[in-house]
Amino acid sequence: EGGQKCLLGDKTAKDLGVLRVGLEVNQLGESSRPFTKISGV
């Protein structure tokens, strides 16, 4: 009853592969991308 958003729980999210747990999640390469900057400033 009520609720603002529909939630995909832990088990199903892992079964679908959209939630990963482990050391490999730290190897996404985000830190190697150029950091954003404010254009024109």
PDB file of all heavy atoms in Angstrom:
ATOM      1  N   GLU A   1       0.846  -1.196   0.000  1.00  0.00           N
ATOM      2  CA  GLU A   1       0.000   0.000   0.000  1.00  0.00           C
ATOM      3  C   GLU A   1       0.882   1.247   0.000  1.00  0.00           C
ATOM      4  O   GLU A   1       1.797   1.371   0.796  1.00  0.00           O
ATOM      5  CB  GLU A   1      -0.904  -0.008   1.234  1.00  0.00           C
ATOM      6  CG  GLU A   1      -1.937   1.102   1.247  1.00  0.00           C
ATOM      7  CD  GLU A   1      -2.849   0.995   2.442  1.00  0.00           C
ATOM      8  OE1 GLU A   1      -3.843   0.241   2.379  1.00  0.00           O
ATOM      9  OE2 GLU A   1      -2.557   1.641   3.473  1.00  0.00           O
ATOM     10  N   GLY A   2       0.568   2.162  -0.884  1.00  0.00           N
ATOM     11  CA  GLY A   2       1.371   3.381  -0.976  1.00  0.00           C
ATOM     12  C   GLY A   2       2.696   3.101  -1.665  1.00  0.00           C
ATOM     13  O   GLY A   2       2.819   2.204  -2.493  1.00  0.00           O
ATOM     14  N   GLY A   3       3.690   3.844  -1.301  1.00  0.00           N
ATOM     15  CA  GLY A   3       5.006   3.682  -1.918  1.00  0.00           C
ATOM     16  C   GLY A   3       5.168   4.586  -3.121  1.00  0.00           C
ATOM     17  O   GLY A   3       4.235   4.762  -3.898  1.00  0.00           O
ATOM     18  N   GLN A   4       6.348   5.177  -3.241  1.00  0.00           N
ATOM     19  CA  GLN A   4       6.614   6.116  -4.332  1.00  0.00           C
ATOM     20  C   GLN A   4       7.314   5.468  -5.505  1.00  0.00           C
ATOM     21  O   GLN A   4       7.137   5.874  -6.640  1.00  0.00           O
ATOM     22  CB  GLN A   4       7.451   7.286  -3.819  1.00  0.00           C
ATOM     23  CG  GLN A   4       6.760   8.109  -2.749  1.00  0.00           C
ATOM     24  CD  GLN A   4       7.642   9.238  -2.249  1.00  0.00           C
ATOM     25  OE1 GLN A   4       8.832   9.272  -2.516  1.00  0.00           O
ATOM     26  NE2 GLN A   4       7.048  10.168  -1.522  1.00  0.00           N
ATOM     27  N   LYS A   5       8.125   4.438  -5.249  1.00  0.00           N
ATOM     28  CA  LYS A   5       8.866   3.774  -6.318  1.00  0.00           C
ATOM     29  C   LYS A   5       8.742   2.268  -6.171  1.00  0.00           C
ATOM     30  O   LYS A   5       8.571   1.749  -5.063  1.00  0.00           O
ATOM     31  CB  LYS A   5      10.344   4.182  -6.289  1.00  0.00           C
ATOM     32  CG  LYS A   5      10.602   5.657  -6.533  1.00  0.00           C
ATOM     33  CD  LYS A   5      12.086   5.954  -6.570  1.00  0.00           C
ATOM     34  CE  LYS A   5      12.349   7.447  -6.720  1.00  0.00           C
ATOM     35  NZ  LYS A   5      11.822   7.971  -7.984  1.00  0.00           N
ATOM     36  N   CYS A   6       8.843   1.572  -7.302  1.00  0.00           N
ATOM     37  CA  CYS A   6       8.869   0.118  -7.295  1.00  0.00           C
ATOM     38  C   CYS A   6      10.315  -0.329  -7.094  1.00  0.00           C
ATOM     39  O   CYS A   6      11.221   0.162  -7.772  1.00  0.00           O
ATOM     40  CB  CYS A   6       8.309  -0.435  -8.599  1.00  0.00           C
ATOM     41  SG  CYS A   6       6.585   0.018  -8.898  1.00  0.00           S
ATOM     42  N   LEU A   7      10.541  -1.229  -6.163  1.00  0.00           N
ATOM     43  CA  LEU A   7      11.893  -1.638  -5.792  1.00  0.00           C
ATOM     44  C   LEU A   7      12.231  -3.020  -6.342  1.00  0.00           C
ATOM     45  O   LEU A   7      11.426  -3.953  -6.236  1.00  0.00           O
ATOM     46  CB  LEU A   7      12.054  -1.653  -4.269  1.00  0.00           C
ATOM     47  CG  LEU A   7      11.785  -0.353  -3.511  1.00  0.00           C
ATOM     48  CD1 LEU A   7      12.097  -0.539  -2.038  1.00  0.00           C
ATOM     49  CD2 LEU A   7      12.596   0.790  -4.092  1.00  0.00           C
ATOM     50  N   LEU A   8      13.425  -3.138  -6.920  1.00  0.00           N
ATOM     51  CA  LEU A   8      13.963  -4.419  -7.335  1.00  0.00           C
ATOM     52  C   LEU A   8      14.916  -4.873  -6.241  1.00  0.00           C
ATOM     53  O   LEU A   8      15.944  -4.248  -5.999  1.00  0.00           O
ATOM     54  CB  LEU A   8      14.699  -4.268  -8.667  1.00  0.00           C
ATOM     55  CG  LEU A   8      15.181  -5.551  -9.335  1.00  0.00           C
ATOM     56  CD1 LEU A   8      14.003  -6.430  -9.717  1.00  0.00           C
ATOM     57  CD2 LEU A   8      16.032  -5.235 -10.559  1.00  0.00           C
ATOM     58  N   GLY A   9      14.536  -5.943  -5.546  1.00  0.00           N
ATOM     59  CA  GLY A   9      15.277  -6.379  -4.369  1.00  0.00           C
ATOM     60  C   GLY A   9      16.629  -6.989  -4.679  1.00  0.00           C
ATOM     61  O   GLY A   9      17.000  -7.241  -5.840  1.00  0.00           O
ATOM     62  N   ASP A  10      17.361  -7.271  -3.610  1.00  0.00           N
ATOM     63  CA  ASP A  10      18.742  -7.728  -3.695  1.00  0.00           C
ATOM     64  C   ASP A  10      18.880  -9.011  -4.521  1.00  0.00           C
ATOM     65  O   ASP A  10      19.673  -9.061  -5.466  1.00  0.00           O
ATOM     66  CB  ASP A  10      19.274  -7.949  -2.264  1.00  0.00           C
ATOM     67  CG  ASP A  10      20.700  -8.461  -2.249  1.00  0.00           C
ATOM     68  OD1 ASP A  10      21.607  -7.648  -2.463  1.00  0.00           O
ATOM     69  OD2 ASP A  10      20.903  -9.671  -2.026  1.00  0.00           O
ATOM     70  N   LYS A  11      18.109 -10.048  -4.206  1.00  0.00           N
ATOM     71  CA  LYS A  11      18.279 -11.353  -4.863  1.00  0.00           C
ATOM     72  C   LYS A  11      17.966 -11.287  -6.355  1.00  0.00           C
ATOM     73  O   LYS A  11      18.743 -11.750  -7.195  1.00  0.00           O
ATOM     74  CB  LYS A  11      17.399 -12.399  -4.194  1.00  0.00           C
ATOM     75  CG  LYS A  11      17.563 -13.797  -4.786  1.00  0.00           C
ATOM     76  CD  LYS A  11      16.673 -14.808  -4.102  1.00  0.00           C
ATOM     77  CE  LYS A  11      16.928 -16.214  -4.660  1.00  0.00           C
ATOM     78  NZ  LYS A  11      16.775 -16.293  -6.135  1.00  0.00           N
ATOM     79  N   THR A  12      16.825 -10.683  -6.703  1.00  0.00           N
ATOM     80  CA  THR A  12      16.436 -10.627  -8.110  1.00  0.00           C
ATOM     81  C   THR A  12      17.399  -9.751  -8.906  1.00  0.00           C
ATOM     82  O   THR A  12      17.730 -10.061 -10.054  1.00  0.00           O
ATOM     83  CB  THR A  12      15.001 -10.087  -8.251  1.00  0.00           C
ATOM     84  OG1 THR A  12      14.122 -10.895  -7.458  1.00  0.00           O
ATOM     85  CG2 THR A  12      14.538 -10.120  -9.694  1.00  0.00           C
ATOM     86  N   ALA A  13      17.867  -8.667  -8.298  1.00  0.00           N
ATOM     87  CA  ALA A  13      18.823  -7.793  -8.985  1.00  0.00           C
ATOM     88  C   ALA A  13      20.114  -8.540  -9.293  1.00  0.00           C
ATOM     89  O   ALA A  13      20.707  -8.371 -10.369  1.00  0.00           O
ATOM     90  CB  ALA A  13      19.102  -6.554  -8.136  1.00  0.00           C
ATOM     91  N   LYS A  14      20.557  -9.391  -8.370  1.00  0.00           N
ATOM     92  CA  LYS A  14      21.755 -10.193  -8.616  1.00  0.00           C
ATOM     93  C   LYS A  14      21.497 -11.265  -9.663  1.00  0.00           C
ATOM     94  O   LYS A  14      22.345 -11.543 -10.524  1.00  0.00           O
ATOM     95  CB  LYS A  14      22.233 -10.823  -7.307  1.00  0.00           C
ATOM     96  CG  LYS A  14      22.818  -9.832  -6.314  1.00  0.00           C
ATOM     97  CD  LYS A  14      23.180 -10.504  -5.004  1.00  0.00           C
ATOM     98  CE  LYS A  14      23.757  -9.485  -4.010  1.00  0.00           C
ATOM     99  NZ  LYS A  14      23.999 -10.086  -2.682  1.00  0.00           N
ATOM    100  N   ASP A  15      20.307 -11.893  -9.616  1.00  0.00           N
ATOM    101  CA  ASP A  15      19.968 -12.916 -10.608  1.00  0.00           C
ATOM    102  C   ASP A  15      19.956 -12.334 -12.021  1.00  0.00           C
ATOM    103  O   ASP A  15      20.312 -13.015 -12.989  1.00  0.00           O
ATOM    104  CB  ASP A  15      18.604 -13.527 -10.293  1.00  0.00           C
ATOM    105  CG  ASP A  15      18.617 -14.376  -9.017  1.00  0.00           C
ATOM    106  OD1 ASP A  15      19.728 -14.751  -8.581  1.00  0.00           O
ATOM    107  OD2 ASP A  15      17.530 -14.641  -8.464  1.00  0.00           O
ATOM    108  N   LEU A  16      19.536 -11.083 -12.134  1.00  0.00           N
ATOM    109  CA  LEU A  16      19.469 -10.423 -13.438  1.00  0.00           C
ATOM    110  C   LEU A  16      20.803  -9.811 -13.865  1.00  0.00           C
ATOM    111  O   LEU A  16      20.938  -9.325 -14.982  1.00  0.00           O
ATOM    112  CB  LEU A  16      18.400  -9.329 -13.414  1.00  0.00           C
ATOM    113  CG  LEU A  16      16.950  -9.812 -13.366  1.00  0.00           C
ATOM    114  CD1 LEU A  16      16.012  -8.652 -13.044  1.00  0.00           C
ATOM    115  CD2 LEU A  16      16.551 -10.457 -14.697  1.00  0.00           C
ATOM    116  N   GLY A  17      21.770  -9.805 -12.947  1.00  0.00           N
ATOM    117  CA  GLY A  17      23.081  -9.265 -13.274  1.00  0.00           C
ATOM    118  C   GLY A  17      23.183  -7.758 -13.217  1.00  0.00           C
ATOM    119  O   GLY A  17      24.180  -7.188 -13.677  1.00  0.00           O
ATOM    120  N   VAL A  18      22.169  -7.076 -12.666  1.00  0.00           N
ATOM    121  CA  VAL A  18      22.229  -5.615 -12.584  1.00  0.00           C
ATOM    122  C   VAL A  18      22.842  -5.147 -11.274  1.00  0.00           C
ATOM    123  O   VAL A  18      23.140  -3.959 -11.108  1.00  0.00           O
ATOM    124  CB  VAL A  18      20.825  -4.994 -12.741  1.00  0.00           C
ATOM    125  CG1 VAL A  18      20.258  -5.324 -14.098  1.00  0.00           C
ATOM    126  CG2 VAL A  18      19.876  -5.458 -11.645  1.00  0.00           C
ATOM    127  N   LEU A  19      23.057  -6.071 -10.339  1.00  0.00           N
ATOM    128  CA  LEU A  19      23.719  -5.754  -9.076  1.00  0.00           C
ATOM    129  C   LEU A  19      24.843  -6.748  -8.892  1.00  0.00           C
ATOM    130  O   LEU A  19      24.614  -7.960  -8.874  1.00  0.00           O
ATOM    131  CB  LEU A  19      22.736  -5.836  -7.908  1.00  0.00           C
ATOM    132  CG  LEU A  19      23.306  -5.571  -6.512  1.00  0.00           C
ATOM    133  CD1 LEU A  19      23.835  -4.154  -6.411  1.00  0.00           C
ATOM    134  CD2 LEU A  19      22.249  -5.812  -5.446  1.00  0.00           C
ATOM    135  N   ARG A  20      26.050  -6.237  -8.789  1.00  0.00           N
ATOM    136  CA  ARG A  20      27.216  -7.096  -8.649  1.00  0.00           C
ATOM    137  C   ARG A  20      27.944  -6.772  -7.355  1.00  0.00           C
ATOM    138  O   ARG A  20      28.074  -5.618  -6.972  1.00  0.00           O
ATOM    139  CB  ARG A  20      28.158  -6.916  -9.835  1.00  0.00           C
ATOM    140  CG  ARG A  20      27.522  -7.269 -11.174  1.00  0.00           C
ATOM    141  CD  ARG A  20      28.430  -6.937 -12.320  1.00  0.00           C
ATOM    142  NE  ARG A  20      29.665  -7.717 -12.272  1.00  0.00           N
ATOM    143  CZ  ARG A  20      30.696  -7.492 -13.077  1.00  0.00           C
ATOM    144  NH1 ARG A  20      30.657  -6.503 -13.942  1.00  0.00           N
ATOM    145  NH2 ARG A  20      31.764  -8.236 -12.993  1.00  0.00           N
ATOM    146  N   VAL A  21      28.430  -7.828  -6.706  1.00  0.00           N
ATOM    147  CA  VAL A  21      29.177  -7.678  -5.465  1.00  0.00           C
ATOM    148  C   VAL A  21      30.499  -8.412  -5.627  1.00  0.00           C
ATOM    149  O   VAL A  21      30.530  -9.558  -6.062  1.00  0.00           O
ATOM    150  CB  VAL A  21      28.399  -8.255  -4.263  1.00  0.00           C
ATOM    151  CG1 VAL A  21      29.225  -8.134  -2.992  1.00  0.00           C
ATOM    152  CG2 VAL A  21      27.063  -7.543  -4.099  1.00  0.00           C
ATOM    153  N   GLY A  22      31.601  -7.744  -5.301  1.00  0.00           N
ATOM    154  CA  GLY A  22      32.900  -8.382  -5.429  1.00  0.00           C
ATOM    155  C   GLY A  22      33.970  -7.378  -5.794  1.00  0.00           C
ATOM    156  O   GLY A  22      33.691  -6.206  -6.042  1.00  0.00           O
ATOM    157  N   LEU A  23      35.205  -7.835  -5.859  1.00  0.00           N
ATOM    158  CA  LEU A  23      36.320  -6.946  -6.133  1.00  0.00           C
ATOM    159  C   LEU A  23      36.256  -6.342  -7.524  1.00  0.00           C
ATOM    160  O   LEU A  23      36.747  -5.250  -7.760  1.00  0.00           O
ATOM    161  CB  LEU A  23      37.645  -7.703  -5.966  1.00  0.00           C
ATOM    162  CG  LEU A  23      37.961  -8.193  -4.546  1.00  0.00           C
ATOM    163  CD1 LEU A  23      39.242  -8.996  -4.548  1.00  0.00           C
ATOM    164  CD2 LEU A  23      38.073  -7.021  -3.588  1.00  0.00           C
ATOM    165  N   GLU A  24      35.607  -7.062  -8.474  1.00  0.00           N
ATOM    166  CA  GLU A  24      35.600  -6.565  -9.840  1.00  0.00           C
ATOM    167  C   GLU A  24      34.798  -5.286  -9.999  1.00  0.00           C
ATOM    168  O   GLU A  24      34.968  -4.567 -10.981  1.00  0.00           O
ATOM    169  CB  GLU A  24      35.050  -7.637 -10.798  1.00  0.00           C
ATOM    170  CG  GLU A  24      33.560  -7.921 -10.641  1.00  0.00           C
ATOM    171  CD  GLU A  24      33.272  -8.923  -9.537  1.00  0.00           C
ATOM    172  OE1 GLU A  24      34.212  -9.320  -8.844  1.00  0.00           O
ATOM    173  OE2 GLU A  24      32.105  -9.316  -9.393  1.00  0.00           O
ATOM    174  N   VAL A  25      33.916  -4.963  -9.041  1.00  0.00           N
ATOM    175  CA  VAL A  25      33.127  -3.741  -9.183  1.00  0.00           C
ATOM    176  C   VAL A  25      33.995  -2.500  -9.028  1.00  0.00           C
ATOM    177  O   VAL A  25      33.583  -1.408  -9.390  1.00  0.00           O
ATOM    178  CB  VAL A  25      31.976  -3.687  -8.147  1.00  0.00           C
ATOM    179  CG1 VAL A  25      31.032  -4.839  -8.341  1.00  0.00           C
ATOM    180  CG2 VAL A  25      32.507  -3.668  -6.724  1.00  0.00           C
ATOM    181  N   ASN A  26      35.198  -2.661  -8.493  1.00  0.00           N
ATOM    182  CA  ASN A  26      36.095  -1.523  -8.356  1.00  0.00           C
ATOM    183  C   ASN A  26      36.955  -1.311  -9.606  1.00  0.00           C
ATOM    184  O   ASN A  26      37.861  -0.501  -9.602  1.00  0.00           O
ATOM    185  CB  ASN A  26      37.014  -1.729  -7.142  1.00  0.00           C
ATOM    186  CG  ASN A  26      36.242  -1.707  -5.850  1.00  0.00           C
ATOM    187  OD1 ASN A  26      35.312  -0.942  -5.717  1.00  0.00           O
ATOM    188  ND2 ASN A  26      36.618  -2.564  -4.918  1.00  0.00           N
ATOM    189  N   GLN A  27      36.680  -2.066 -10.672  1.00  0.00           N
ATOM    190  CA  GLN A  27      37.496  -1.990 -11.868  1.00  0.00           C
ATOM    191  C   GLN A  27      36.694  -1.448 -13.040  1.00  0.00           C
ATOM    192  O   GLN A  27      36.861  -1.872 -14.178  1.00  0.00           O
ATOM    193  CB  GLN A  27      38.056  -3.372 -12.198  1.00  0.00           C
ATOM    194  CG  GLN A  27      38.919  -3.936 -11.075  1.00  0.00           C
ATOM    195  CD  GLN A  27      39.355  -5.360 -11.358  1.00  0.00           C
ATOM    196  OE1 GLN A  27      39.066  -5.911 -12.397  1.00  0.00           O
ATOM    197  NE2 GLN A  27      40.062  -5.959 -10.412  1.00  0.00           N
ATOM    198  N   LEU A  28      35.807  -0.512 -12.779  1.00  0.00           N
ATOM    199  CA  LEU A  28      34.962   0.047 -13.821  1.00  0.00           C
ATOM    200  C   LEU A  28      35.679   1.110 -14.636  1.00  0.00           C
ATOM    201  O   LEU A  28      35.184   1.539 -15.665  1.00  0.00           O
ATOM    202  CB  LEU A  28      33.694   0.662 -13.192  1.00  0.00           C
ATOM    203  CG  LEU A  28      32.792  -0.331 -12.462  1.00  0.00           C
ATOM    204  CD1 LEU A  28      31.617   0.401 -11.854  1.00  0.00           C
ATOM    205  CD2 LEU A  28      32.294  -1.421 -13.405  1.00  0.00           C
ATOM    206  N   GLY A  29      36.827   1.596 -14.181  1.00  0.00           N
ATOM    207  CA  GLY A  29      37.596   2.562 -14.938  1.00  0.00           C
ATOM    208  C   GLY A  29      37.086   3.983 -14.812  1.00  0.00           C
ATOM    209  O   GLY A  29      37.488   4.858 -15.559  1.00  0.00           O
ATOM    210  N   GLU A  30      36.204   4.251 -13.871  1.00  0.00           N
ATOM    211  CA  GLU A  30      35.649   5.589 -13.724  1.00  0.00           C
ATOM    212  C   GLU A  30      36.736   6.601 -13.401  1.00  0.00           C
ATOM    213  O   GLU A  30      36.715   7.718 -13.893  1.00  0.00           O
ATOM    214  CB  GLU A  30      34.581   5.581 -12.614  1.00  0.00           C
ATOM    215  CG  GLU A  30      33.933   6.919 -12.349  1.00  0.00           C
ATOM    216  CD  GLU A  30      33.053   7.382 -13.477  1.00  0.00           C
ATOM    217  OE1 GLU A  30      32.535   6.523 -14.204  1.00  0.00           O
ATOM    218  OE2 GLU A  30      32.894   8.601 -13.645  1.00  0.00           O
ATOM    219  N   SER A  31      37.703   6.199 -12.559  1.00  0.00           N
ATOM    220  CA  SER A  31      38.723   7.149 -12.131  1.00  0.00           C
ATOM    221  C   SER A  31      39.690   7.518 -13.257  1.00  0.00           C
ATOM    222  O   SER A  31      40.448   8.458 -13.125  1.00  0.00           O
ATOM    223  CB  SER A  31      39.502   6.575 -10.940  1.00  0.00           C
ATOM    224  OG  SER A  31      40.163   5.381 -11.316  1.00  0.00           O
ATOM    225  N   SER A  32      39.689   6.741 -14.360  1.00  0.00           N
ATOM    226  CA  SER A  32      40.608   7.041 -15.449  1.00  0.00           C
ATOM    227  C   SER A  32      39.992   7.976 -16.479  1.00  0.00           C
ATOM    228  O   SER A  32      40.659   8.359 -17.435  1.00  0.00           O
ATOM    229  CB  SER A  32      41.053   5.736 -16.126  1.00  0.00           C
ATOM    230  OG  SER A  32      39.945   5.073 -16.716  1.00  0.00           O
ATOM    231  N   ARG A  33      38.728   8.308 -16.326  1.00  0.00           N
ATOM    232  CA  ARG A  33      38.088   9.201 -17.284  1.00  0.00           C
ATOM    233  C   ARG A  33      38.393  10.660 -16.925  1.00  0.00           C
ATOM    234  O   ARG A  33      38.533  11.001 -15.766  1.00  0.00           O
ATOM    235  CB  ARG A  33      36.573   8.990 -17.267  1.00  0.00           C
ATOM    236  CG  ARG A  33      36.146   7.576 -17.663  1.00  0.00           C
ATOM    237  CD  ARG A  33      34.646   7.433 -17.532  1.00  0.00           C
ATOM    238  NE  ARG A  33      34.221   6.064 -17.790  1.00  0.00           N
ATOM    239  CZ  ARG A  33      32.978   5.627 -17.611  1.00  0.00           C
ATOM    240  NH1 ARG A  33      32.047   6.472 -17.198  1.00  0.00           N
ATOM    241  NH2 ARG A  33      32.669   4.379 -17.854  1.00  0.00           N
ATOM    242  N   PRO A  34      38.478  11.532 -17.934  1.00  0.00           N
ATOM    243  CA  PRO A  34      38.690  12.954 -17.633  1.00  0.00           C
ATOM    244  C   PRO A  34      37.575  13.497 -16.753  1.00  0.00           C
ATOM    245  O   PRO A  34      36.400  13.210 -16.990  1.00  0.00           O
ATOM    246  CB  PRO A  34      38.675  13.600 -19.027  1.00  0.00           C
ATOM    247  CG  PRO A  34      39.073  12.498 -19.957  1.00  0.00           C
ATOM    248  CD  PRO A  34      38.504  11.240 -19.366  1.00  0.00           C
ATOM    249  N   PHE A  35      37.949  14.250 -15.745  1.00  0.00           N
ATOM    250  CA  PHE A  35      36.969  14.801 -14.818  1.00  0.00           C
ATOM    251  C   PHE A  35      36.234  15.961 -15.489  1.00  0.00           C
ATOM    252  O   PHE A  35      36.813  16.705 -16.281  1.00  0.00           O
ATOM    253  CB  PHE A  35      37.675  15.266 -13.542  1.00  0.00           C
ATOM    254  CG  PHE A  35      36.737  15.663 -12.444  1.00  0.00           C
ATOM    255  CD1 PHE A  35      35.808  14.780 -11.950  1.00  0.00           C
ATOM    256  CD2 PHE A  35      36.776  16.942 -11.901  1.00  0.00           C
ATOM    257  CE1 PHE A  35      34.941  15.141 -10.935  1.00  0.00           C
ATOM    258  CE2 PHE A  35      35.922  17.320 -10.896  1.00  0.00           C
ATOM    259  CZ  PHE A  35      35.004  16.413 -10.410  1.00  0.00           C
ATOM    260  N   THR A  36      34.956  16.098 -15.186  1.00  0.00           N
ATOM    261  CA  THR A  36      34.152  17.142 -15.812  1.00  0.00           C
ATOM    262  C   THR A  36      34.665  18.530 -15.428  1.00  0.00           C
ATOM    263  O   THR A  36      35.313  18.711 -14.393  1.00  0.00           O
ATOM    264  CB  THR A  36      32.682  17.027 -15.368  1.00  0.00           C
ATOM    265  OG1 THR A  36      32.622  17.090 -13.932  1.00  0.00           O
ATOM    266  CG2 THR A  36      32.076  15.730 -15.840  1.00  0.00           C
ATOM    267  N   LYS A  37      34.382  19.497 -16.286  1.00  0.00           N
ATOM    268  CA  LYS A  37      34.726  20.877 -15.968  1.00  0.00           C
ATOM    269  C   LYS A  37      33.622  21.785 -16.482  1.00  0.00           C
ATOM    270  O   LYS A  37      32.889  21.451 -17.416  1.00  0.00           O
ATOM    271  CB  LYS A  37      36.070  21.271 -16.579  1.00  0.00           C
ATOM    272  CG  LYS A  37      36.147  21.159 -18.089  1.00  0.00           C
ATOM    273  CD  LYS A  37      37.547  21.490 -18.567  1.00  0.00           C
ATOM    274  CE  LYS A  37      37.680  21.307 -20.086  1.00  0.00           C
ATOM    275  NZ  LYS A  37      39.051  21.546 -20.546  1.00  0.00           N
ATOM    276  N   ILE A  38      33.491  22.941 -15.837  1.00  0.00           N
ATOM    277  CA  ILE A  38      32.449  23.899 -16.214  1.00  0.00           C
ATOM    278  C   ILE A  38      32.863  24.581 -17.507  1.00  0.00           C
ATOM    279  O   ILE A  38      33.922  25.218 -17.575  1.00  0.00           O
ATOM    280  CB  ILE A  38      32.223  24.927 -15.094  1.00  0.00           C
ATOM    281  CG1 ILE A  38      31.774  24.209 -13.814  1.00  0.00           C
ATOM    282  CG2 ILE A  38      31.175  25.956 -15.504  1.00  0.00           C
ATOM    283  CD1 ILE A  38      31.623  25.116 -12.613  1.00  0.00           C
ATOM    284  N   SER A  39      32.049  24.433 -18.514  1.00  0.00           N
ATOM    285  CA  SER A  39      32.380  24.958 -19.836  1.00  0.00           C
ATOM    286  C   SER A  39      32.411  26.489 -19.832  1.00  0.00           C
ATOM    287  O   SER A  39      31.543  27.144 -19.256  1.00  0.00           O
ATOM    288  CB  SER A  39      31.347  24.460 -20.854  1.00  0.00           C
ATOM    289  OG  SER A  39      31.607  24.989 -22.131  1.00  0.00           O
ATOM    290  N   GLY A  40      33.430  27.030 -20.479  1.00  0.00           N
ATOM    291  CA  GLY A  40      33.510  28.470 -20.675  1.00  0.00           C
ATOM    292  C   GLY A  40      33.976  29.262 -19.472  1.00  0.00           C
ATOM    293  O   GLY A  40      33.931  30.491 -19.486  1.00  0.00           O
ATOM    294  N   VAL A  41      34.435  28.589 -18.420  1.00  0.00           N
ATOM    295  CA  VAL A  41      34.883  29.286 -17.209  1.00  0.00           C
ATOM    296  C   VAL A  41      36.350  28.956 -16.954  1.00  0.00           C
ATOM    297  O   VAL A  41      36.734  27.786 -16.916  1.00  0.00           O
ATOM    298  CB  VAL A  41      34.041  28.894 -15.982  1.00  0.00           C
ATOM    299  CG1 VAL A  41      34.582  29.558 -14.723  1.00  0.00           C
ATOM    300  CG2 VAL A  41      32.580  29.266 -16.196  1.00  0.00           C
TER     301      VAL A  41
END
